[in-house]
Protein backbone atom coordinates (compact mmCIF):
# COMPACT_ATOMS: atom_id res chain seq x y z
CA UNK A 1 -20.25 -15.60 -123.12
CA UNK A 2 -19.63 -17.96 -120.54
CA UNK A 3 -16.61 -17.91 -118.12
CA UNK A 4 -13.93 -20.84 -118.20
CA UNK A 5 -15.18 -23.68 -116.08
CA UNK A 6 -13.97 -23.85 -112.72
CA UNK A 7 -11.49 -26.70 -112.07
CA UNK A 8 -12.50 -29.88 -110.68
CA UNK A 9 -9.74 -31.83 -109.06
CA UNK A 10 -9.46 -34.31 -112.18
CA UNK A 11 -9.32 -31.16 -114.55
CA UNK A 12 -6.87 -29.45 -112.34
CA UNK A 13 -4.56 -32.33 -112.51
CA UNK A 14 -4.92 -32.37 -116.38
CA UNK A 15 -3.98 -28.76 -116.63
CA UNK A 16 -1.13 -29.40 -114.54
CA UNK A 17 0.03 -32.18 -116.87
CA UNK A 18 -0.50 -29.91 -119.94
CA UNK A 19 1.83 -27.33 -118.02
CA UNK A 20 4.22 -30.02 -117.17
CA UNK A 21 4.10 -29.03 -113.45
CA UNK A 22 4.60 -31.96 -110.77
CA UNK A 23 4.53 -35.31 -111.23
CA UNK A 24 1.81 -38.10 -110.60
CA UNK A 25 3.13 -38.70 -106.95
CA UNK A 26 2.74 -35.43 -106.27
CA UNK A 27 -0.52 -34.57 -107.86
CA UNK A 28 -2.74 -35.74 -104.99
CA UNK A 29 -0.43 -34.21 -102.11
CA UNK A 30 -0.57 -30.70 -103.80
CA UNK A 31 -4.59 -30.59 -104.41
CA UNK A 32 -4.73 -31.80 -100.84
CA UNK A 33 -2.52 -29.04 -99.35
CA UNK A 34 -4.31 -26.18 -100.79
CA UNK A 35 -7.42 -27.37 -99.57
CA UNK A 36 -6.04 -27.90 -95.95
CA UNK A 37 -4.76 -24.64 -95.77
CA UNK A 38 -8.19 -22.95 -96.79
CA UNK A 39 -6.60 -21.33 -100.35
CA UNK A 40 -9.33 -23.06 -102.06
CA UNK A 41 -12.47 -24.95 -100.87
CA UNK A 42 -14.25 -28.01 -102.92
CA UNK A 43 -18.23 -27.33 -102.64
CA UNK A 44 -21.29 -27.68 -104.91
CA UNK A 45 -23.40 -24.53 -105.69
CA UNK A 46 -26.75 -24.80 -106.59
CA UNK A 47 -27.35 -22.07 -109.11
CA UNK A 48 -30.06 -19.36 -109.47
CA UNK A 49 -33.02 -19.33 -111.66
CA UNK A 50 -33.09 -16.69 -114.14
CA UNK A 51 -35.53 -15.77 -117.53
CA UNK A 52 -33.67 -15.14 -120.57
CA UNK A 53 -34.63 -13.49 -123.63
CA UNK A 54 -33.95 -14.90 -127.05
CA UNK A 55 -34.16 -12.74 -130.40
CA UNK A 56 -34.19 -14.35 -133.64
CA UNK A 57 -33.50 -13.14 -136.72
CA UNK A 58 -35.02 -14.84 -139.70
CA UNK A 59 -35.64 -13.75 -142.93
CA UNK A 60 -35.50 -10.04 -142.13
CA UNK A 61 -38.14 -10.88 -139.45
CA UNK A 62 -37.29 -10.75 -135.71
CA UNK A 63 -39.16 -12.88 -132.82
CA UNK A 64 -38.69 -12.89 -129.30
CA UNK A 65 -39.01 -15.52 -126.64
CA UNK A 66 -38.14 -16.24 -122.99
CA UNK A 67 -37.03 -19.58 -121.16
CA UNK A 68 -35.69 -20.29 -117.87
CA UNK A 69 -32.58 -21.41 -117.01
CA UNK A 70 -30.06 -22.15 -114.16
CA UNK A 71 -27.06 -20.45 -114.15
CA UNK A 72 -23.81 -20.97 -112.34
CA UNK A 73 -24.82 -24.58 -110.63
CA UNK A 74 -21.31 -26.05 -109.86
CA UNK A 75 -20.82 -29.75 -108.93
CA UNK A 76 -17.36 -30.71 -106.92
CA UNK A 77 -15.50 -27.78 -108.29
CA UNK A 78 -12.64 -25.93 -106.59
CA UNK A 79 -13.42 -22.38 -105.28
CA UNK A 80 -10.63 -19.99 -104.75
CA UNK A 81 -10.75 -18.38 -101.05
CA UNK A 82 -9.61 -15.17 -99.61
CA UNK A 83 -6.28 -16.77 -97.82
CA UNK A 84 -5.50 -18.35 -101.23
CA UNK A 85 -6.17 -14.99 -103.33
CA UNK A 86 -4.13 -13.17 -100.59
CA UNK A 87 -1.04 -15.55 -101.01
CA UNK A 88 -1.04 -15.79 -104.57
CA UNK A 89 -0.77 -12.03 -104.74
CA UNK A 90 2.11 -11.95 -102.28
CA UNK A 91 3.97 -14.53 -104.30
CA UNK A 92 3.25 -13.29 -107.52
CA UNK A 93 4.60 -10.08 -106.61
CA UNK A 94 7.60 -10.73 -104.76
CA UNK A 95 8.68 -14.07 -106.57
CA UNK A 96 7.30 -14.04 -109.93
CA UNK A 97 9.85 -15.62 -111.41
CA UNK A 98 9.47 -18.78 -108.89
CA UNK A 99 5.59 -18.75 -109.54
CA UNK A 100 5.65 -18.66 -113.21
CA UNK A 101 4.27 -21.95 -115.01
CA UNK A 102 7.60 -21.91 -117.11
CA UNK A 103 9.76 -22.18 -114.01
CA UNK A 104 8.47 -25.39 -112.36
CA UNK A 105 8.17 -27.22 -115.87
CA UNK A 106 11.83 -26.15 -116.34
CA UNK A 107 13.13 -27.39 -112.98
CA UNK A 108 11.17 -30.93 -113.71
CA UNK A 109 13.24 -30.91 -117.32
CA UNK A 110 16.26 -30.49 -115.29
CA UNK A 111 15.92 -32.98 -112.84
CA UNK A 112 15.13 -35.65 -115.57
CA UNK A 113 18.35 -34.38 -117.31
CA UNK A 114 20.27 -35.17 -113.95
CA UNK A 115 18.81 -38.54 -113.91
CA UNK A 116 19.87 -39.17 -116.84
CA UNK A 117 23.77 -38.07 -115.98
CA UNK A 118 23.56 -35.01 -118.44
CA UNK A 119 23.56 -32.24 -116.21
CA UNK A 120 25.46 -32.04 -112.08
CA UNK A 121 23.49 -31.84 -109.52
CA UNK A 122 25.61 -29.18 -107.94
CA UNK A 123 25.98 -26.79 -110.59
CA UNK A 124 21.91 -26.46 -111.08
CA UNK A 125 21.51 -25.98 -107.35
CA UNK A 126 24.22 -23.33 -107.21
CA UNK A 127 22.50 -21.78 -110.10
CA UNK A 128 19.14 -21.88 -108.60
CA UNK A 129 20.07 -21.05 -105.15
CA UNK A 130 22.47 -18.03 -106.21
CA UNK A 131 19.29 -16.10 -108.13
CA UNK A 132 16.93 -17.59 -105.59
CA UNK A 133 18.62 -15.99 -102.42
CA UNK A 134 18.66 -12.79 -103.91
CA UNK A 135 14.94 -12.89 -104.23
CA UNK A 136 14.56 -14.11 -100.88
CA UNK A 137 16.44 -10.87 -99.64
CA UNK A 138 14.88 -8.43 -101.88
CA UNK A 139 11.47 -9.79 -100.03
CA UNK A 140 13.04 -9.37 -96.78
CA UNK A 141 14.17 -5.37 -97.10
CA UNK A 142 10.34 -4.71 -98.77
CA UNK A 143 8.84 -5.76 -95.73
CA UNK A 144 5.85 -6.21 -97.88
CA UNK A 145 2.69 -6.67 -95.48
CA UNK A 146 -0.54 -7.60 -97.21
CA UNK A 147 -3.28 -6.52 -94.67
CA UNK A 148 -6.04 -7.13 -97.55
CA UNK A 149 -8.15 -3.87 -95.98
CA UNK A 150 -10.93 -3.33 -98.34
CA UNK A 151 -12.99 0.09 -97.76
CA UNK A 152 -16.33 -0.41 -98.39
CA UNK A 153 -17.93 3.10 -97.66
CA UNK A 154 -19.59 4.55 -94.47
CA UNK A 155 -22.49 3.21 -92.39
CA UNK A 156 -25.54 5.18 -93.80
CA UNK A 157 -26.69 5.78 -90.04
CA UNK A 158 -23.51 6.39 -87.63
CA UNK A 159 -21.10 7.29 -90.77
CA UNK A 160 -18.56 5.12 -89.26
CA UNK A 161 -16.29 3.59 -91.86
CA UNK A 162 -17.20 0.15 -92.98
CA UNK A 163 -14.34 -2.33 -94.16
CA UNK A 164 -13.30 -5.84 -94.61
CA UNK A 165 -10.30 -7.51 -94.14
CA UNK A 166 -8.42 -10.78 -93.32
CA UNK A 167 -8.80 -11.47 -89.69
CA UNK A 168 -7.09 -13.99 -87.14
CA UNK A 169 -9.60 -16.88 -87.87
CA UNK A 170 -10.51 -15.99 -91.57
CA UNK A 171 -12.34 -12.89 -93.47
CA UNK A 172 -14.28 -10.25 -91.32
CA UNK A 173 -16.33 -6.93 -91.74
CA UNK A 174 -15.47 -4.44 -89.75
CA UNK A 175 -17.58 -1.12 -88.74
CA UNK A 176 -15.32 1.40 -87.09
CA UNK A 177 -11.76 1.81 -86.47
CA UNK A 178 -8.90 1.36 -84.02
CA UNK A 179 -8.63 5.65 -84.23
CA UNK A 180 -12.07 6.43 -82.75
CA UNK A 181 -12.99 6.33 -79.21
CA UNK A 182 -15.64 3.80 -79.88
CA UNK A 183 -14.47 -0.05 -79.95
CA UNK A 184 -14.85 -1.57 -83.80
CA UNK A 185 -17.12 -4.25 -84.46
CA UNK A 186 -16.35 -7.33 -86.37
CA UNK A 187 -18.39 -10.07 -88.06
CA UNK A 188 -17.37 -13.24 -90.11
CA UNK A 189 -18.08 -13.20 -93.57
CA UNK A 190 -20.24 -15.89 -95.33
CA UNK A 191 -18.87 -19.07 -96.77
CA UNK A 192 -19.96 -17.73 -100.22
CA UNK A 193 -18.40 -14.37 -99.76
CA UNK A 194 -14.89 -12.71 -100.64
CA UNK A 195 -13.15 -9.84 -99.81
CA UNK A 196 -13.00 -8.63 -103.21
CA UNK A 197 -16.60 -9.06 -104.10
CA UNK A 198 -18.62 -8.10 -101.10
CA UNK A 199 -20.89 -5.14 -101.13
CA UNK A 200 -21.49 -2.27 -98.54
CA UNK A 201 -24.76 -3.60 -98.20
CA UNK A 202 -23.77 -7.61 -97.77
CA UNK A 203 -21.37 -6.29 -95.40
CA UNK A 204 -24.23 -4.58 -93.06
CA UNK A 205 -26.53 -7.21 -93.49
CA UNK A 206 -23.76 -9.12 -91.11
CA UNK A 207 -24.15 -7.32 -88.35
CA UNK A 208 -27.65 -8.05 -88.14
CA UNK A 209 -26.80 -11.68 -86.91
CA UNK A 210 -27.30 -12.86 -84.40
CA UNK A 211 -30.53 -11.78 -84.02
CA UNK A 212 -33.41 -13.21 -81.45
CA UNK A 213 -36.90 -15.18 -83.08
CA UNK A 214 -38.26 -15.02 -79.82
CA UNK A 215 -39.39 -17.62 -76.94
CA UNK A 216 -40.49 -21.20 -77.65
CA UNK A 217 -41.52 -23.59 -74.80
CA UNK A 218 -39.44 -20.94 -71.98
CA UNK A 219 -36.08 -20.88 -73.96
CA UNK A 220 -34.83 -18.06 -76.72
CA UNK A 221 -34.25 -19.09 -80.15
CA UNK A 222 -31.28 -17.19 -82.04
CA UNK A 223 -30.50 -17.51 -85.52
CA UNK A 224 -26.99 -16.89 -86.61
CA UNK A 225 -24.01 -17.76 -88.87
CA UNK A 226 -21.17 -19.54 -87.82
CA UNK A 227 -17.92 -21.79 -89.07
CA UNK A 228 -20.34 -24.89 -91.07
CA UNK A 229 -22.86 -22.30 -91.88
CA UNK A 230 -26.31 -20.46 -90.59
CA UNK A 231 -28.14 -21.76 -87.45
CA UNK A 232 -30.45 -21.57 -84.98
CA UNK A 233 -29.30 -21.93 -81.41
CA UNK A 234 -32.17 -23.28 -78.87
CA UNK A 235 -31.73 -24.50 -75.45
CA UNK A 236 -28.16 -24.88 -75.56
CA UNK A 237 -28.11 -26.92 -79.06
CA UNK A 238 -27.38 -25.53 -82.63
CA UNK A 239 -29.74 -26.74 -85.44
CA UNK A 240 -28.56 -26.12 -89.18
CA UNK A 241 -30.75 -24.00 -91.39
CA UNK A 242 -31.40 -25.98 -94.49
CA UNK A 243 -29.02 -25.09 -97.56
CA UNK A 244 -30.45 -23.19 -100.21
CA UNK A 245 -34.27 -22.82 -98.46
CA UNK A 246 -33.63 -21.18 -95.40
CA UNK A 247 -32.13 -17.77 -95.10
CA UNK A 248 -30.66 -16.83 -91.52
CA UNK A 249 -32.18 -12.98 -92.40
CA UNK A 250 -35.33 -13.85 -93.21
CA UNK A 251 -36.26 -17.06 -91.33
CA UNK A 252 -39.25 -16.88 -89.06
CA UNK A 253 -40.04 -18.20 -85.60
CA UNK A 254 -42.39 -20.97 -87.15
CA UNK A 255 -39.61 -22.23 -89.43
CA UNK A 256 -37.20 -22.45 -86.73
CA UNK A 257 -39.66 -24.30 -84.47
CA UNK A 258 -40.43 -27.13 -87.34
CA UNK A 259 -36.14 -27.26 -87.84
CA UNK A 260 -35.65 -28.14 -84.14
CA UNK A 261 -38.81 -30.14 -83.79
CA UNK A 262 -37.53 -32.07 -87.37
CA UNK A 263 -33.92 -32.74 -85.72
CA UNK A 264 -35.28 -33.83 -82.52
CA UNK A 265 -37.28 -36.28 -84.27
CA UNK A 266 -34.60 -37.17 -86.14
CA UNK A 267 -32.05 -37.47 -82.87
CA UNK A 268 -34.90 -40.00 -81.15
CA UNK A 269 -34.97 -42.33 -84.06
CA UNK A 270 -31.18 -42.46 -83.71
CA UNK A 271 -31.29 -43.35 -80.14
CA UNK A 272 -32.02 -47.17 -79.62
CA UNK A 273 -31.15 -47.16 -76.19
CA UNK A 274 -30.06 -44.72 -73.58
CA UNK A 275 -28.35 -45.64 -70.39
CA UNK A 276 -27.20 -42.18 -69.34
CA UNK A 277 -23.43 -42.45 -69.95
CA UNK A 278 -23.78 -45.42 -72.24
CA UNK A 279 -25.95 -45.11 -75.39
CA UNK A 280 -26.74 -47.31 -78.26
CA UNK A 281 -27.12 -45.16 -81.34
CA UNK A 282 -27.98 -46.17 -84.77
CA UNK A 283 -25.29 -44.99 -87.63
CA UNK A 284 -24.81 -45.00 -91.00
CA UNK A 285 -23.03 -48.59 -91.16
CA UNK A 286 -25.55 -49.73 -88.15
CA UNK A 287 -25.50 -49.76 -84.40
CA UNK A 288 -22.95 -49.19 -82.06
CA UNK A 289 -22.29 -48.41 -78.52
CA UNK A 290 -21.03 -44.44 -77.53
CA UNK A 291 -19.50 -43.71 -74.19
CA UNK A 292 -17.19 -40.70 -73.13
CA UNK A 293 -17.06 -39.63 -76.64
CA UNK A 294 -15.61 -42.90 -77.93
CA UNK A 295 -17.71 -45.23 -80.00
CA UNK A 296 -17.71 -49.14 -80.12
CA UNK A 297 -18.67 -51.82 -82.80
CA UNK A 298 -21.19 -54.18 -81.43
CA UNK A 299 -19.98 -57.82 -82.54
CA UNK A 300 -22.00 -59.63 -84.75
CA UNK A 301 -25.07 -61.51 -83.78
CA UNK A 302 -25.55 -59.22 -81.07
CA UNK A 303 -29.29 -57.91 -81.12
CA UNK A 304 -28.74 -54.13 -80.12
CA UNK A 305 -32.61 -53.38 -78.92
CA UNK A 306 -31.43 -56.68 -76.55
CA UNK A 307 -28.34 -55.24 -74.99
CA UNK A 308 -28.41 -54.32 -71.30
CA UNK A 309 -26.00 -51.68 -69.63
CA UNK A 310 -23.69 -54.68 -68.76
CA UNK A 311 -23.77 -56.25 -71.56
CA UNK A 312 -22.59 -52.95 -73.35
CA UNK A 313 -20.07 -52.10 -70.44
CA UNK A 314 -18.46 -56.07 -71.49
CA UNK A 315 -17.92 -55.20 -74.87
CA UNK A 316 -16.20 -51.67 -73.78
CA UNK A 317 -14.05 -53.55 -71.73
CA UNK A 318 -13.03 -56.04 -74.04
CA UNK A 319 -12.51 -53.68 -76.73
CA UNK A 320 -10.11 -51.38 -74.52
CA UNK A 321 -8.21 -54.56 -73.24
CA UNK A 322 -7.74 -55.87 -77.06
CA UNK A 323 -6.79 -52.22 -78.36
CA UNK A 324 -4.25 -51.93 -75.40
């Protein structure tokens, strides 16, 4: 059996319509908000190859065959994130009536009746507020605080406790605790890891990074994982690892050098002219001028390869003047 498919933005809208939740004007803002707040993330996942055995029974005889399939491949699906799960758990525990599907649908129906003149707005609001206010007071009295701490086990060498929790800047793994003299160590979870499912071994792996890959042309290469995924840091710059191809825990120095050279070659092709503080670059929509982290469109008919620094300055000054 396979689990129910994850929602896309379109299928989530369809589900909201089926449940009678929201209106066409609220669907887009709702889906945008849950992504901006980090409750869900829309992404593609490549899936994994796996061998499966097929046992067939026909006319009293069995036959066994194998085939390869791709499991878990997803395209533009919405994946729940740790902060979203924690917020949902808190709301379900503290405000079960409010997050019930039927509640929103009933309120939508009441709004329609108010618009038709069949229900008084003040009466509807009074009934809602009296009940909702009590729920708020109960939640404040309980002072429910979701720490989200999950104990995974002990470090195999030091015996220190290993846990995961929601930190100030996202989900983190922690070795040690605040009660001991030794300062706890922290490492951010990877984008595809969740507090609910990460294992002790996976958490310990996070502390292997950043790690040094050695020297290249007099500068150290360091591999790590950041906000935008795994990277190699070299000579003050960051070079992204190829998704689905490079593993930060196993990447070699030779492969890191390849990534650095590929990016440097790509950057060289991107630069048409370099005047120091002003550059002419190749962009997605054609050549443009950049200065002080601001971009300027090159007028139609001008040849980017023949522009002088003085001509670039004139374009910049004219653009800034027009904007003012």
